[in-house]
Amino acid sequence: MLLVLGSGLGARTWAQDATFATAVNVVSVLASVRDKQGHYVRDLGQDDFELREDGRLQQIKYFSRQTDAALTLGMLVDTSLSQRRVLDEERNAGREFLWQVLRPAKDSAFLIRFDVEVELTQDSTNSLPKLDKALNSLDVPRSRAGRGRGGVAAIGTLLYDAVFLAADEVLKKLEGRKAIILLSDGDDHGSKVSLARAVETTQKADTSVYAIHIFDENGGLARGFGGRQRRRAPARRRESIGQKALLKIAEETGGRYFEVTGQKPLDQVYREIEEELRNQYSLDYVSDRPVPSAEFRKIAIVTKRKGLTVQARNGYYAR
């Protein structure tokens, strides 16, 4: 089946592979633990954790540190017109991050750019030169062939569609640790799927999202269809709406939300994400309700040591 997403000319088609889910009893949860000062706690054992599903205590069957486990990263970059002045920063910081995090022959990454279209610019690979080339190809719609009426760049930001496709088309089929790095101002315009659907699909793919709020503070006027100009909403309002969307995606998938500011540049955000990816625990259990269903089951994890904060996804879909 072909899934077509996009608006205007140049909409892309995605090959949607037929996949068949099988009932799996083992539930795997990745968790990171920090103390009151925000430092990662690295010396916990299986007996230091308590895990509950829908309020019922579960027995942790398998436990390990995940510093050596293979990792698949999906980097999703907003290339809409609102991001045109920060793209260079995103390219450079993204390149440094991937070179630092990915281990040859063990980890892999893919790159998706989204604006009026969603495009898989580079499929999952462990080739850093290929990822470099894909990052270098990022641009805003005005410099590509796909335009709106009158030869003017079309307006649109298919953020939710991009998250959905990364999870459903790429990550759902993969095993092991999986994470999405999402760079955007959080505004969505024109997606075919809802925010809730994008989050649900990411949860079903057992993937965490690290959402990075980055936007051009001097975006000014943007040109719309037919050559008309429209003034963007005040930055404070755009930021509030975008923050809520990105925060929801991050929190409900067990990832984290970051905001790029003058005090916290993008390269510092990437360093924090890298540190977290290197300091995760894997807790696997068999639910006391092993029968698959379409329901969402809530997961809560705490440590027996006081004063520690556990970050993990808040549930899973029994399937």
Foldseek 3Di string as FASTA:
>chain_A
DWDWAFDFPPTDIDDADDDDDDFDQKDKWKKWKAFPVRDTDFDDDPQQKWKDWQRHTFDFDDKDWCLPAEEEEEEEEEQELQAQVCLVVVLVLVLVLLVVQQDPPGYWYWYWYWWRYIDRLGAIDSDSVSVNVSSVPRHYQLPDDGDAPPSHRAGFTQQLQNLLCCLRVHQLVDDIAYEYEYEELQDGGDHPDDLVNSLQSNQQSLYAYEYERDGDQPSFWDAHHPRDIDGDDHPVVSNVNRQVSSCVSRQQSLHYYHYADPVQHPNNVSVVVSVRSSRMMMTMGGDPPSDADQDWIFMDMDTPDPRMDMTIHGTHHRD
